[in-house]
Amino acid sequence: MVALALWLGSLQLIALAAFGSAWLVDAGLRRRSAATRRGVWALAIVMALVLPLMRLAIEAPAISLRSELAGAMLVIWLVGFVALLVRLLLGLRVVRRWVAASVEIESPAWRADSSALRGDRAEVELRRCAEITGPVCVGLVRSRILVPDAMLELPADERRSLLAHELAHVARGDASMLILGGVARAIYWINPLAWLALRRFRAQAENAADDAVLSVGVTSSSYAAQLVALARAQVMIASSLRERVLAILDVERSRSVALTMLPRWGAARLVGVAVLLASLATACEARSEAPVDADSRVSSPAQARALMIK
């Protein structure tokens, strides 16, 4: 139990360094595109999930800790972990219910706009659902865009904006990353930066999707007006509106690339980089914690003189 508590504690410290580095890099990239800043937080989240697997080969640090204290620490961590994990699973259950209650959209206009916006990328299933108030992108393997019944009769420009935004989420795998972020937050819930990481990733993912809307020819003023209208209709959370509108109207802001120009296998590259960085961090830690050879240990000046005589 003591060893497990120490292992989890050291893991929390390494995650603190990963999330803290992401926060510093994000602050330094303030004028860069939202997609770049989203990638920074995505990399930190994936690294935080890969680190436990890499560190299984490393023993816990040699720190004395009372078994009672170790047990209390494990219980506290476990309560928070289970609570957040249950919260995540309940959310996924709600999404599954939405998908089950949805019906495929057969409108030629919706299908034509979706096909034109995604280009030669894999087809995305469009479905309408009466249980939701705003559009949502779901699916780990099979991507789906759920549209509220009330939005099926949107004007052509607003329909195009909606599809461009959600297809950008699909292309970047934001639905999967939000789930991974939820798991990372559950593991590192004691660390405030784990909560910040998920919040900042979500914000930058929304900003990057907004950039995708502007890249298809929608003017910033008209799109900002659409978001304000959605907030007034309580379709979107008003607290996130101000930052998004300011980003949309900022003419000097660096924009993300168009949807059709997004790199292929972006998720695989992200995982590869995360595994590489986590492996390097684990290797450095293992080397620093390597035991010293018994012949080289000197506990007193007398022993040192004795070794010199030999």
Protein backbone atom coordinates (compact mmCIF):
# COMPACT_ATOMS: atom_id res chain seq x y z
CA MET A 1 0.00 0.00 0.00
CA VAL A 2 2.83 2.38 0.86
CA ALA A 3 4.59 1.62 -2.41
CA LEU A 4 1.38 2.23 -4.39
CA ALA A 5 0.76 5.55 -2.63
CA LEU A 6 4.29 6.69 -3.36
CA TRP A 7 3.99 5.56 -6.98
CA LEU A 8 0.77 7.54 -7.43
CA GLY A 9 2.30 10.53 -5.69
CA SER A 10 5.35 10.59 -7.94
CA LEU A 11 3.05 10.19 -10.94
CA GLN A 12 1.10 13.26 -9.84
CA LEU A 13 4.32 15.26 -9.72
CA ILE A 14 5.30 14.24 -13.23
CA ALA A 15 1.81 15.10 -14.52
CA LEU A 16 2.15 18.46 -12.79
CA ALA A 17 5.27 19.08 -14.85
CA ALA A 18 3.52 18.00 -18.07
CA PHE A 19 0.45 20.19 -17.54
CA GLY A 20 2.55 23.06 -16.23
CA SER A 21 4.75 22.94 -19.34
CA ALA A 22 1.64 22.95 -21.53
CA TRP A 23 0.35 26.03 -19.68
CA LEU A 24 3.64 27.87 -20.23
CA VAL A 25 3.79 26.90 -23.92
CA ASP A 26 0.16 27.92 -24.42
CA ALA A 27 0.86 31.30 -22.85
CA GLY A 28 3.83 31.77 -25.17
CA LEU A 29 1.72 30.92 -28.23
CA ARG A 30 -0.97 33.47 -27.48
CA ARG A 31 -0.91 34.89 -31.00
CA ARG A 32 -0.72 31.53 -32.75
CA SER A 33 -3.70 29.68 -34.18
CA ALA A 34 -6.24 27.98 -31.96
CA ALA A 35 -5.45 24.64 -33.61
CA THR A 36 -1.80 24.92 -32.53
CA ARG A 37 -2.74 25.75 -28.95
CA ARG A 38 -5.33 22.97 -28.94
CA GLY A 39 -2.57 20.57 -30.00
CA VAL A 40 -0.42 21.62 -27.05
CA TRP A 41 -3.12 20.68 -24.55
CA ALA A 42 -4.01 17.51 -26.44
CA LEU A 43 -0.36 16.41 -26.27
CA ALA A 44 -0.23 17.10 -22.52
CA ILE A 45 -3.41 15.06 -21.93
CA VAL A 46 -2.18 12.07 -23.94
CA MET A 47 1.21 12.22 -22.21
CA ALA A 48 -0.51 12.19 -18.82
CA LEU A 49 -2.33 9.00 -19.83
CA VAL A 50 0.77 7.32 -21.28
CA LEU A 51 2.97 8.09 -18.27
CA PRO A 52 1.37 5.51 -15.91
CA LEU A 53 2.05 2.75 -18.42
CA MET A 54 5.65 3.82 -18.85
CA ARG A 55 6.28 4.13 -15.12
CA LEU A 56 5.08 0.62 -14.27
CA ALA A 57 8.67 -0.51 -14.80
CA ILE A 58 9.99 1.97 -12.21
CA GLU A 59 9.85 1.25 -8.51
CA ALA A 60 8.43 3.80 -6.11
CA PRO A 61 10.96 6.30 -4.71
CA ALA A 62 12.65 5.38 -1.44
CA ILE A 63 10.70 7.68 0.86
CA SER A 64 9.54 6.66 4.32
CA LEU A 65 5.79 6.91 4.77
CA ARG A 66 3.54 5.60 7.51
CA SER A 67 1.09 2.94 6.33
CA GLU A 68 -1.83 4.81 7.94
CA LEU A 69 -1.01 7.96 5.99
CA ALA A 70 -0.54 5.98 2.78
CA GLY A 71 -3.93 4.32 3.26
CA ALA A 72 -5.63 7.67 3.83
CA MET A 73 -4.04 9.13 0.72
CA LEU A 74 -5.16 6.18 -1.39
CA VAL A 75 -8.73 6.37 -0.10
CA ILE A 76 -8.96 10.11 -0.79
CA TRP A 77 -7.58 9.69 -4.31
CA LEU A 78 -9.81 6.69 -5.02
CA VAL A 79 -12.99 8.53 -3.96
CA GLY A 80 -12.28 11.41 -6.34
CA PHE A 81 -11.20 9.07 -9.14
CA VAL A 82 -14.34 6.92 -8.94
CA ALA A 83 -16.64 9.95 -8.66
CA LEU A 84 -15.23 11.61 -11.78
CA LEU A 85 -15.11 8.34 -13.69
CA VAL A 86 -18.77 7.66 -12.89
CA ARG A 87 -19.60 11.20 -13.99
CA LEU A 88 -17.85 10.57 -17.30
CA LEU A 89 -19.61 7.23 -17.83
CA LEU A 90 -23.00 8.78 -17.10
CA GLY A 91 -22.30 11.43 -19.71
CA LEU A 92 -21.38 8.78 -22.26
CA ARG A 93 -24.58 6.96 -21.42
CA VAL A 94 -26.60 10.09 -22.20
CA VAL A 95 -24.80 10.44 -25.54
CA ARG A 96 -25.55 6.82 -26.33
CA ARG A 97 -29.23 7.47 -25.62
CA TRP A 98 -29.18 10.45 -27.98
CA VAL A 99 -27.71 8.33 -30.75
CA ALA A 100 -30.28 5.59 -30.19
CA ALA A 101 -33.12 8.13 -30.36
CA SER A 102 -31.78 9.87 -33.47
CA VAL A 103 -32.79 9.39 -37.09
CA GLU A 104 -30.63 9.82 -40.19
CA ILE A 105 -31.05 13.13 -42.01
CA GLU A 106 -32.22 12.50 -45.57
CA SER A 107 -32.32 16.14 -46.71
CA PRO A 108 -30.38 16.56 -50.00
CA ALA A 109 -29.27 20.05 -48.93
CA TRP A 110 -27.67 18.80 -45.72
CA ARG A 111 -25.98 15.91 -47.51
CA ALA A 112 -24.66 18.11 -50.32
CA ASP A 113 -23.18 20.69 -47.94
CA SER A 114 -21.58 17.98 -45.80
CA SER A 115 -20.01 16.32 -48.84
CA ALA A 116 -18.69 19.62 -50.21
CA LEU A 117 -17.15 20.68 -46.90
CA ARG A 118 -15.39 17.45 -45.99
CA GLY A 119 -13.93 16.87 -49.47
CA ASP A 120 -12.38 13.44 -49.89
CA ARG A 121 -12.43 12.63 -46.19
CA ALA A 122 -14.40 9.72 -44.76
CA GLU A 123 -18.15 10.11 -44.78
CA VAL A 124 -19.74 11.39 -41.59
CA GLU A 125 -23.23 10.30 -40.63
CA LEU A 126 -25.75 13.13 -40.15
CA ARG A 127 -28.60 12.43 -37.75
CA ARG A 128 -31.40 14.49 -36.23
CA CYS A 129 -32.42 14.17 -32.60
CA ALA A 130 -35.34 15.71 -30.74
CA GLU A 131 -33.69 15.37 -27.31
CA ILE A 132 -30.88 17.89 -27.85
CA THR A 133 -30.96 21.67 -28.09
CA GLY A 134 -27.71 22.20 -29.99
CA PRO A 135 -25.55 20.33 -32.53
CA VAL A 136 -23.05 17.86 -31.16
CA CYS A 137 -20.29 15.65 -32.58
CA VAL A 138 -20.12 12.13 -31.11
CA GLY A 139 -18.41 8.82 -31.78
CA LEU A 140 -15.04 7.23 -31.08
CA VAL A 141 -14.76 5.04 -34.17
CA ARG A 142 -17.82 5.97 -36.18
CA SER A 143 -18.30 9.74 -36.22
CA ARG A 144 -21.80 11.18 -36.15
CA ILE A 145 -23.13 14.72 -36.11
CA LEU A 146 -26.40 15.08 -34.22
CA VAL A 147 -28.59 18.04 -35.17
CA PRO A 148 -31.66 19.20 -33.20
CA ASP A 149 -34.97 18.90 -35.02
CA ALA A 150 -35.47 22.65 -34.54
CA MET A 151 -32.39 23.39 -36.67
CA LEU A 152 -33.27 21.31 -39.71
CA GLU A 153 -34.82 24.33 -41.43
CA LEU A 154 -31.86 26.66 -40.96
CA PRO A 155 -31.00 29.08 -43.79
CA ALA A 156 -28.29 27.87 -46.16
CA ASP A 157 -25.50 30.04 -44.69
CA GLU A 158 -26.26 29.01 -41.10
CA ARG A 159 -26.50 25.35 -42.10
CA ARG A 160 -23.10 25.63 -43.77
CA SER A 161 -21.62 27.25 -40.65
CA LEU A 162 -23.01 24.52 -38.42
CA LEU A 163 -21.64 21.73 -40.60
CA ALA A 164 -18.21 23.35 -41.01
CA HIS A 165 -17.90 23.74 -37.24
CA GLU A 166 -18.90 20.16 -36.41
CA LEU A 167 -16.89 18.62 -39.26
CA ALA A 168 -13.80 20.37 -37.91
CA HIS A 169 -14.40 18.64 -34.56
CA VAL A 170 -14.73 15.32 -36.41
CA ALA A 171 -11.55 15.83 -38.44
CA ARG A 172 -9.48 16.58 -35.33
CA GLY A 173 -11.04 13.82 -33.21
CA ASP A 174 -12.21 16.24 -30.53
CA ALA A 175 -14.92 13.89 -29.25
CA SER A 176 -12.33 11.21 -28.46
CA MET A 177 -9.93 13.74 -26.95
CA LEU A 178 -12.62 15.06 -24.61
CA ILE A 179 -13.15 11.53 -23.31
CA LEU A 180 -9.41 11.06 -22.83
CA GLY A 181 -9.27 14.42 -21.10
CA GLY A 182 -12.03 13.30 -18.76
CA VAL A 183 -10.08 10.14 -17.90
CA ALA A 184 -6.90 12.18 -17.30
CA ARG A 185 -8.81 14.57 -15.05
CA ALA A 186 -10.14 11.61 -13.06
CA ILE A 187 -6.64 10.19 -12.57
CA TYR A 188 -5.04 13.54 -11.67
CA TRP A 189 -8.04 15.23 -10.06
CA ILE A 190 -5.91 16.42 -7.15
CA ASN A 191 -3.85 18.47 -9.57
CA PRO A 192 -5.61 21.78 -10.45
CA LEU A 193 -3.77 21.88 -13.77
CA ALA A 194 -5.54 18.68 -14.84
CA TRP A 195 -8.85 20.55 -14.64
CA LEU A 196 -7.31 23.51 -16.44
CA ALA A 197 -5.98 21.24 -19.21
CA LEU A 198 -9.42 19.88 -20.06
CA ARG A 199 -11.00 23.34 -19.90
CA ARG A 200 -8.36 24.94 -22.11
CA PHE A 201 -8.45 22.08 -24.60
CA ARG A 202 -12.22 22.44 -24.93
CA ALA A 203 -11.93 26.21 -25.41
CA GLN A 204 -9.20 25.99 -28.04
CA ALA A 205 -11.02 23.17 -29.84
CA GLU A 206 -14.07 25.43 -30.14
CA ASN A 207 -11.95 28.32 -31.39
CA ALA A 208 -10.27 26.08 -33.97
CA ALA A 209 -13.68 24.88 -35.17
CA ASP A 210 -14.80 28.52 -35.44
CA ASP A 211 -11.76 29.18 -37.63
CA ALA A 212 -12.92 26.36 -39.90
CA VAL A 213 -16.24 28.16 -40.34
CA LEU A 214 -14.47 31.36 -41.38
CA SER A 215 -12.28 29.41 -43.81
CA VAL A 216 -15.30 28.37 -45.92
CA GLY A 217 -16.25 31.97 -46.69
CA VAL A 218 -18.55 32.89 -43.79
CA THR A 219 -17.89 36.46 -42.66
CA SER A 220 -16.81 36.99 -39.08
CA SER A 221 -19.60 39.48 -38.34
CA SER A 222 -22.38 37.19 -39.55
CA TYR A 223 -20.97 34.17 -37.73
CA ALA A 224 -20.59 36.15 -34.50
CA ALA A 225 -24.23 37.21 -34.86
CA GLN A 226 -25.22 33.54 -35.25
CA LEU A 227 -23.45 32.63 -32.00
CA VAL A 228 -25.12 35.48 -30.15
CA ALA A 229 -28.51 34.31 -31.44
CA LEU A 230 -27.79 30.76 -30.27
CA ALA A 231 -26.82 32.03 -26.83
CA ARG A 232 -30.04 34.05 -26.57
CA ALA A 233 -32.01 30.95 -27.50
CA GLN A 234 -30.07 29.08 -24.76
CA VAL A 235 -28.69 26.65 -27.31
CA MET A 236 -25.09 27.31 -26.25
CA ILE A 237 -23.52 28.30 -22.93
CA ALA A 238 -23.38 32.07 -22.72
CA SER A 239 -20.29 32.04 -20.47
CA SER A 240 -18.14 30.83 -23.36
CA LEU A 241 -19.64 33.29 -25.83
CA ARG A 242 -17.52 36.36 -25.11
CA GLU A 243 -14.15 34.69 -25.70
CA ARG A 244 -15.32 33.03 -28.91
CA VAL A 245 -16.87 36.19 -30.35
CA LEU A 246 -13.77 38.24 -29.58
CA ALA A 247 -11.60 35.61 -31.25
CA ILE A 248 -13.86 35.54 -34.32
CA LEU A 249 -13.81 39.33 -34.72
CA ASP A 250 -10.04 39.66 -34.13
CA VAL A 251 -8.73 40.47 -37.61
CA GLU A 252 -5.08 40.12 -36.52
CA ARG A 253 -5.55 36.64 -35.09
CA SER A 254 -3.71 33.74 -36.72
CA ARG A 255 -6.29 31.33 -38.13
CA SER A 256 -6.28 27.55 -38.37
CA VAL A 257 -6.03 25.87 -41.75
CA ALA A 258 -9.13 24.99 -43.75
CA LEU A 259 -10.91 21.73 -43.09
CA THR A 260 -9.73 20.10 -46.31
CA MET A 261 -6.09 21.00 -45.47
CA LEU A 262 -5.97 19.30 -42.07
CA PRO A 263 -3.17 16.68 -41.89
CA ARG A 264 -4.03 13.00 -42.13
CA TRP A 265 -3.47 10.68 -39.18
CA GLY A 266 -3.26 13.62 -36.79
CA ALA A 267 -4.33 11.48 -33.82
CA ALA A 268 -1.72 8.80 -34.57
CA ARG A 269 1.03 11.42 -34.77
CA LEU A 270 -0.12 12.91 -31.49
CA VAL A 271 0.03 9.55 -29.73
CA GLY A 272 3.45 8.83 -31.23
CA VAL A 273 4.91 12.11 -29.99
CA ALA A 274 3.34 11.59 -26.55
CA VAL A 275 4.79 8.08 -26.26
CA LEU A 276 8.23 9.37 -27.29
CA LEU A 277 8.21 12.20 -24.76
CA ALA A 278 6.84 9.99 -21.99
CA SER A 279 9.50 7.36 -22.74
CA LEU A 280 12.26 9.97 -22.54
CA ALA A 281 10.91 11.32 -19.25
CA THR A 282 10.63 7.82 -17.80
CA ALA A 283 14.14 6.87 -18.96
CA CYS A 284 15.62 10.00 -17.39
CA GLU A 285 13.82 9.32 -14.14
CA ALA A 286 14.90 5.67 -14.10
CA ARG A 287 18.52 6.71 -14.64
CA SER A 288 18.38 9.28 -11.85
CA GLU A 289 16.92 6.68 -9.48
CA ALA A 290 19.38 3.93 -10.45
CA PRO A 291 21.00 2.33 -7.35
CA VAL A 292 24.59 3.18 -6.62
CA ASP A 293 27.06 0.29 -6.78
CA ALA A 294 27.89 -1.09 -3.34
CA ASP A 295 31.66 -0.82 -3.88
CA SER A 296 31.36 2.90 -4.55
CA ARG A 297 29.46 3.74 -1.37
CA VAL A 298 31.55 5.46 1.32
CA SER A 299 29.85 6.03 4.64
CA SER A 300 32.71 7.58 6.63
CA PRO A 301 36.15 9.20 6.23
CA ALA A 302 37.71 6.08 7.76
CA GLN A 303 36.26 3.90 5.04
CA ALA A 304 37.50 6.36 2.43
CA ARG A 305 41.06 6.12 3.79
CA ALA A 306 40.81 2.34 3.92
CA LEU A 307 39.76 2.23 0.28
CA MET A 308 42.63 4.50 -0.70
CA ILE A 309 45.13 2.18 1.10
CA LYS A 310 43.77 -0.82 -0.80
